[in-house]
Amino acid sequence: MNNTSIINNIISLLRNKFLIYDELLIIENWDEPLTGDIFMLTAIDLAYLLFELEKIYEIRVLEKQLISHGFYSISEIYKTIESSLCIEYNNE
């Protein structure tokens, strides 16, 4: 799994499931909080996003990963998913 496909899946979910406009999904906004003024998602939206990504990658994101990497911005979500994939890969 390469870095681009993880980012593309995150962006695709935000665009298609949460109806975020492409103009907002630019790289300059990837560190902005998804619950902030730009994206305006709710905590429930973030939970659904987490579940969707777990389903796509057939992983379980652990609490310690959420604490360590966060799940509030596109960049942080990428780090969390990448970390989860490494754990899953090492456990196989």
N, C-alpha and C. Protein backbone atom coordinates (compact mmCIF):
# COMPACT_ATOMS: atom_id res chain seq x y z
N MET A 1 0.85 -1.17 0.00
CA MET A 1 0.00 0.00 0.00
C MET A 1 0.90 1.24 0.00
N ASN A 2 0.71 2.11 -0.97
CA ASN A 2 1.56 3.29 -1.01
C ASN A 2 0.85 4.50 -0.39
N ASN A 3 1.65 5.52 -0.10
CA ASN A 3 1.15 6.71 0.58
C ASN A 3 0.04 7.40 -0.20
N THR A 4 0.19 7.44 -1.52
CA THR A 4 -0.79 8.14 -2.35
C THR A 4 -2.16 7.48 -2.27
N SER A 5 -2.20 6.16 -2.24
CA SER A 5 -3.51 5.50 -2.21
C SER A 5 -4.22 5.72 -0.87
N ILE A 6 -3.48 5.81 0.21
CA ILE A 6 -4.11 6.09 1.51
C ILE A 6 -4.72 7.48 1.47
N ILE A 7 -3.94 8.46 1.05
CA ILE A 7 -4.45 9.84 0.95
C ILE A 7 -5.64 9.90 0.01
N ASN A 8 -5.53 9.24 -1.14
CA ASN A 8 -6.63 9.25 -2.11
C ASN A 8 -7.91 8.66 -1.52
N ASN A 9 -7.79 7.60 -0.73
CA ASN A 9 -8.97 7.01 -0.11
C ASN A 9 -9.58 7.95 0.94
N ILE A 10 -8.75 8.61 1.70
CA ILE A 10 -9.25 9.56 2.69
C ILE A 10 -9.99 10.70 1.98
N ILE A 11 -9.35 11.26 0.96
CA ILE A 11 -9.95 12.36 0.20
C ILE A 11 -11.25 11.91 -0.45
N SER A 12 -11.24 10.72 -1.04
CA SER A 12 -12.43 10.20 -1.70
C SER A 12 -13.60 10.04 -0.73
N LEU A 13 -13.32 9.52 0.46
CA LEU A 13 -14.38 9.39 1.47
C LEU A 13 -14.91 10.75 1.89
N LEU A 14 -14.02 11.70 2.10
CA LEU A 14 -14.46 13.04 2.50
C LEU A 14 -15.31 13.68 1.40
N ARG A 15 -14.92 13.46 0.16
CA ARG A 15 -15.66 14.03 -0.97
C ARG A 15 -17.01 13.34 -1.15
N ASN A 16 -17.01 12.01 -1.16
CA ASN A 16 -18.21 11.26 -1.53
C ASN A 16 -19.17 10.98 -0.39
N LYS A 17 -18.66 10.72 0.80
CA LYS A 17 -19.54 10.39 1.93
C LYS A 17 -19.93 11.62 2.75
N PHE A 18 -19.04 12.62 2.76
CA PHE A 18 -19.30 13.79 3.61
C PHE A 18 -19.49 15.06 2.79
N LEU A 19 -19.48 14.91 1.47
CA LEU A 19 -19.77 16.00 0.53
C LEU A 19 -18.90 17.23 0.73
N ILE A 20 -17.61 16.98 0.98
CA ILE A 20 -16.64 18.07 1.10
C ILE A 20 -16.20 18.45 -0.31
N TYR A 21 -16.23 19.73 -0.62
CA TYR A 21 -15.86 20.22 -1.94
C TYR A 21 -14.35 20.06 -2.20
N ASP A 22 -14.02 19.78 -3.46
CA ASP A 22 -12.63 19.62 -3.86
C ASP A 22 -11.78 20.84 -3.50
N GLU A 23 -12.37 22.02 -3.58
CA GLU A 23 -11.64 23.25 -3.28
C GLU A 23 -11.12 23.27 -1.84
N LEU A 24 -11.78 22.54 -0.96
CA LEU A 24 -11.36 22.48 0.45
C LEU A 24 -10.35 21.37 0.70
N LEU A 25 -10.27 20.40 -0.18
CA LEU A 25 -9.44 19.22 0.03
C LEU A 25 -8.02 19.40 -0.50
N ILE A 26 -7.59 20.64 -0.65
CA ILE A 26 -6.25 20.92 -1.14
C ILE A 26 -5.22 20.65 -0.06
N ILE A 27 -4.00 20.39 -0.48
CA ILE A 27 -2.94 20.00 0.45
C ILE A 27 -2.71 21.04 1.55
N GLU A 28 -2.93 22.30 1.25
CA GLU A 28 -2.75 23.36 2.26
C GLU A 28 -3.70 23.20 3.45
N ASN A 29 -4.79 22.47 3.26
CA ASN A 29 -5.77 22.27 4.34
C ASN A 29 -5.62 20.94 5.06
N TRP A 30 -4.66 20.13 4.69
CA TRP A 30 -4.55 18.78 5.25
C TRP A 30 -4.19 18.76 6.73
N ASP A 31 -3.67 19.86 7.27
CA ASP A 31 -3.37 19.92 8.70
C ASP A 31 -4.46 20.62 9.50
N GLU A 32 -5.49 21.09 8.82
CA GLU A 32 -6.60 21.77 9.50
C GLU A 32 -7.51 20.75 10.17
N PRO A 33 -8.04 21.09 11.34
CA PRO A 33 -8.96 20.15 12.00
C PRO A 33 -10.24 19.94 11.18
N LEU A 34 -10.61 18.69 11.03
CA LEU A 34 -11.82 18.37 10.26
C LEU A 34 -13.09 18.86 10.95
N THR A 35 -13.00 19.11 12.24
CA THR A 35 -14.16 19.62 12.97
C THR A 35 -14.14 21.15 13.07
N GLY A 36 -13.17 21.76 12.41
CA GLY A 36 -13.02 23.22 12.46
C GLY A 36 -13.88 23.94 11.43
N ASP A 37 -13.60 25.23 11.28
CA ASP A 37 -14.39 26.10 10.42
C ASP A 37 -14.32 25.76 8.93
N ILE A 38 -13.24 25.12 8.50
CA ILE A 38 -13.11 24.81 7.07
C ILE A 38 -13.98 23.62 6.67
N PHE A 39 -13.84 22.51 7.38
CA PHE A 39 -14.53 21.27 6.99
C PHE A 39 -15.86 21.08 7.72
N MET A 40 -15.94 21.54 8.94
CA MET A 40 -17.18 21.53 9.75
C MET A 40 -17.80 20.14 9.94
N LEU A 41 -16.96 19.11 10.09
CA LEU A 41 -17.48 17.78 10.41
C LEU A 41 -17.76 17.69 11.91
N THR A 42 -18.58 16.73 12.29
CA THR A 42 -18.89 16.50 13.69
C THR A 42 -18.06 15.33 14.21
N ALA A 43 -18.08 15.13 15.50
CA ALA A 43 -17.40 13.98 16.10
C ALA A 43 -17.99 12.68 15.56
N ILE A 44 -19.27 12.66 15.34
CA ILE A 44 -19.93 11.47 14.78
C ILE A 44 -19.43 11.23 13.35
N ASP A 45 -19.26 12.29 12.58
CA ASP A 45 -18.70 12.14 11.23
C ASP A 45 -17.32 11.51 11.28
N LEU A 46 -16.49 11.95 12.23
CA LEU A 46 -15.14 11.37 12.36
C LEU A 46 -15.21 9.90 12.73
N ALA A 47 -16.16 9.52 13.57
CA ALA A 47 -16.34 8.11 13.92
C ALA A 47 -16.70 7.30 12.67
N TYR A 48 -17.63 7.81 11.87
CA TYR A 48 -17.99 7.12 10.63
C TYR A 48 -16.80 7.03 9.68
N LEU A 49 -16.01 8.09 9.59
CA LEU A 49 -14.82 8.07 8.75
C LEU A 49 -13.84 6.99 9.22
N LEU A 50 -13.65 6.91 10.51
CA LEU A 50 -12.79 5.87 11.08
C LEU A 50 -13.30 4.48 10.70
N PHE A 51 -14.59 4.24 10.88
CA PHE A 51 -15.16 2.92 10.56
C PHE A 51 -15.01 2.59 9.08
N GLU A 52 -15.23 3.58 8.22
CA GLU A 52 -15.09 3.36 6.78
C GLU A 52 -13.65 2.99 6.41
N LEU A 53 -12.67 3.69 6.99
CA LEU A 53 -11.27 3.39 6.71
C LEU A 53 -10.86 2.03 7.26
N GLU A 54 -11.37 1.68 8.44
CA GLU A 54 -11.10 0.34 8.98
C GLU A 54 -11.65 -0.73 8.05
N LYS A 55 -12.82 -0.48 7.48
CA LYS A 55 -13.43 -1.45 6.58
C LYS A 55 -12.63 -1.56 5.27
N ILE A 56 -12.24 -0.44 4.71
CA ILE A 56 -11.47 -0.44 3.46
C ILE A 56 -10.17 -1.21 3.61
N TYR A 57 -9.45 -0.95 4.70
CA TYR A 57 -8.12 -1.53 4.89
C TYR A 57 -8.12 -2.80 5.73
N GLU A 58 -9.30 -3.22 6.17
CA GLU A 58 -9.44 -4.42 7.00
C GLU A 58 -8.48 -4.38 8.18
N ILE A 59 -8.55 -3.28 8.91
CA ILE A 59 -7.71 -3.07 10.08
C ILE A 59 -8.57 -2.67 11.26
N ARG A 60 -7.96 -2.67 12.41
CA ARG A 60 -8.58 -2.13 13.62
C ARG A 60 -7.61 -1.08 14.15
N VAL A 61 -8.07 0.16 14.21
CA VAL A 61 -7.24 1.23 14.75
C VAL A 61 -7.33 1.15 16.27
N LEU A 62 -6.18 1.05 16.90
CA LEU A 62 -6.12 0.91 18.35
C LEU A 62 -6.16 2.27 19.03
N GLU A 63 -6.64 2.27 20.26
CA GLU A 63 -6.73 3.52 21.03
C GLU A 63 -5.38 4.21 21.13
N LYS A 64 -4.32 3.42 21.35
CA LYS A 64 -2.98 4.01 21.49
C LYS A 64 -2.54 4.70 20.21
N GLN A 65 -3.00 4.21 19.05
CA GLN A 65 -2.68 4.87 17.79
C GLN A 65 -3.41 6.19 17.66
N LEU A 66 -4.66 6.22 18.09
CA LEU A 66 -5.42 7.46 18.06
C LEU A 66 -4.78 8.50 18.97
N ILE A 67 -4.31 8.06 20.13
CA ILE A 67 -3.65 8.97 21.07
C ILE A 67 -2.32 9.44 20.49
N SER A 68 -1.57 8.53 19.92
CA SER A 68 -0.24 8.83 19.40
C SER A 68 -0.28 9.69 18.14
N HIS A 69 -1.14 9.33 17.20
CA HIS A 69 -1.15 10.00 15.89
C HIS A 69 -2.31 10.97 15.71
N GLY A 70 -3.38 10.79 16.44
CA GLY A 70 -4.53 11.67 16.29
C GLY A 70 -5.44 11.25 15.17
N PHE A 71 -6.56 11.91 15.09
CA PHE A 71 -7.55 11.62 14.05
C PHE A 71 -8.36 12.88 13.78
N TYR A 72 -7.69 14.04 13.77
CA TYR A 72 -8.42 15.29 13.65
C TYR A 72 -8.21 16.00 12.32
N SER A 73 -7.20 15.59 11.57
CA SER A 73 -6.92 16.24 10.28
C SER A 73 -6.60 15.15 9.26
N ILE A 74 -6.59 15.53 8.00
CA ILE A 74 -6.26 14.57 6.95
C ILE A 74 -4.85 14.00 7.18
N SER A 75 -3.91 14.87 7.53
CA SER A 75 -2.53 14.42 7.77
C SER A 75 -2.45 13.44 8.93
N GLU A 76 -3.15 13.74 10.02
CA GLU A 76 -3.13 12.87 11.19
C GLU A 76 -3.84 11.55 10.91
N ILE A 77 -4.91 11.60 10.17
CA ILE A 77 -5.62 10.37 9.81
C ILE A 77 -4.71 9.48 8.95
N TYR A 78 -4.00 10.10 8.02
CA TYR A 78 -3.05 9.35 7.21
C TYR A 78 -2.03 8.62 8.09
N LYS A 79 -1.44 9.34 9.05
CA LYS A 79 -0.44 8.73 9.94
C LYS A 79 -1.04 7.59 10.75
N THR A 80 -2.27 7.75 11.20
CA THR A 80 -2.93 6.71 11.98
C THR A 80 -3.18 5.46 11.14
N ILE A 81 -3.67 5.64 9.93
CA ILE A 81 -3.94 4.50 9.05
C ILE A 81 -2.64 3.81 8.67
N GLU A 82 -1.63 4.58 8.34
CA GLU A 82 -0.33 4.00 8.00
C GLU A 82 0.23 3.18 9.16
N SER A 83 0.12 3.71 10.36
CA SER A 83 0.57 3.00 11.56
C SER A 83 -0.21 1.70 11.75
N SER A 84 -1.51 1.75 11.55
CA SER A 84 -2.35 0.55 11.70
C SER A 84 -2.00 -0.50 10.66
N LEU A 85 -1.72 -0.06 9.45
CA LEU A 85 -1.34 -1.01 8.40
C LEU A 85 -0.01 -1.67 8.73
N CYS A 86 0.92 -0.94 9.30
CA CYS A 86 2.21 -1.52 9.68
C CYS A 86 2.02 -2.58 10.77
N ILE A 87 1.16 -2.30 11.72
CA ILE A 87 0.89 -3.26 12.80
C ILE A 87 0.24 -4.52 12.22
N GLU A 88 -0.75 -4.34 11.35
CA GLU A 88 -1.42 -5.50 10.73
C GLU A 88 -0.43 -6.31 9.91
N TYR A 89 0.41 -5.64 9.16
CA TYR A 89 1.40 -6.32 8.32
C TYR A 89 2.38 -7.12 9.18
N ASN A 90 2.82 -6.54 10.27
CA ASN A 90 3.79 -7.21 11.15
C ASN A 90 3.16 -8.38 11.91
N ASN A 91 1.85 -8.37 12.09
CA ASN A 91 1.17 -9.45 12.80
C ASN A 91 0.86 -10.65 11.91
N GLU A 92 1.02 -10.47 10.60
CA GLU A 92 0.70 -11.58 9.68
C GLU A 92 1.83 -12.55 9.57
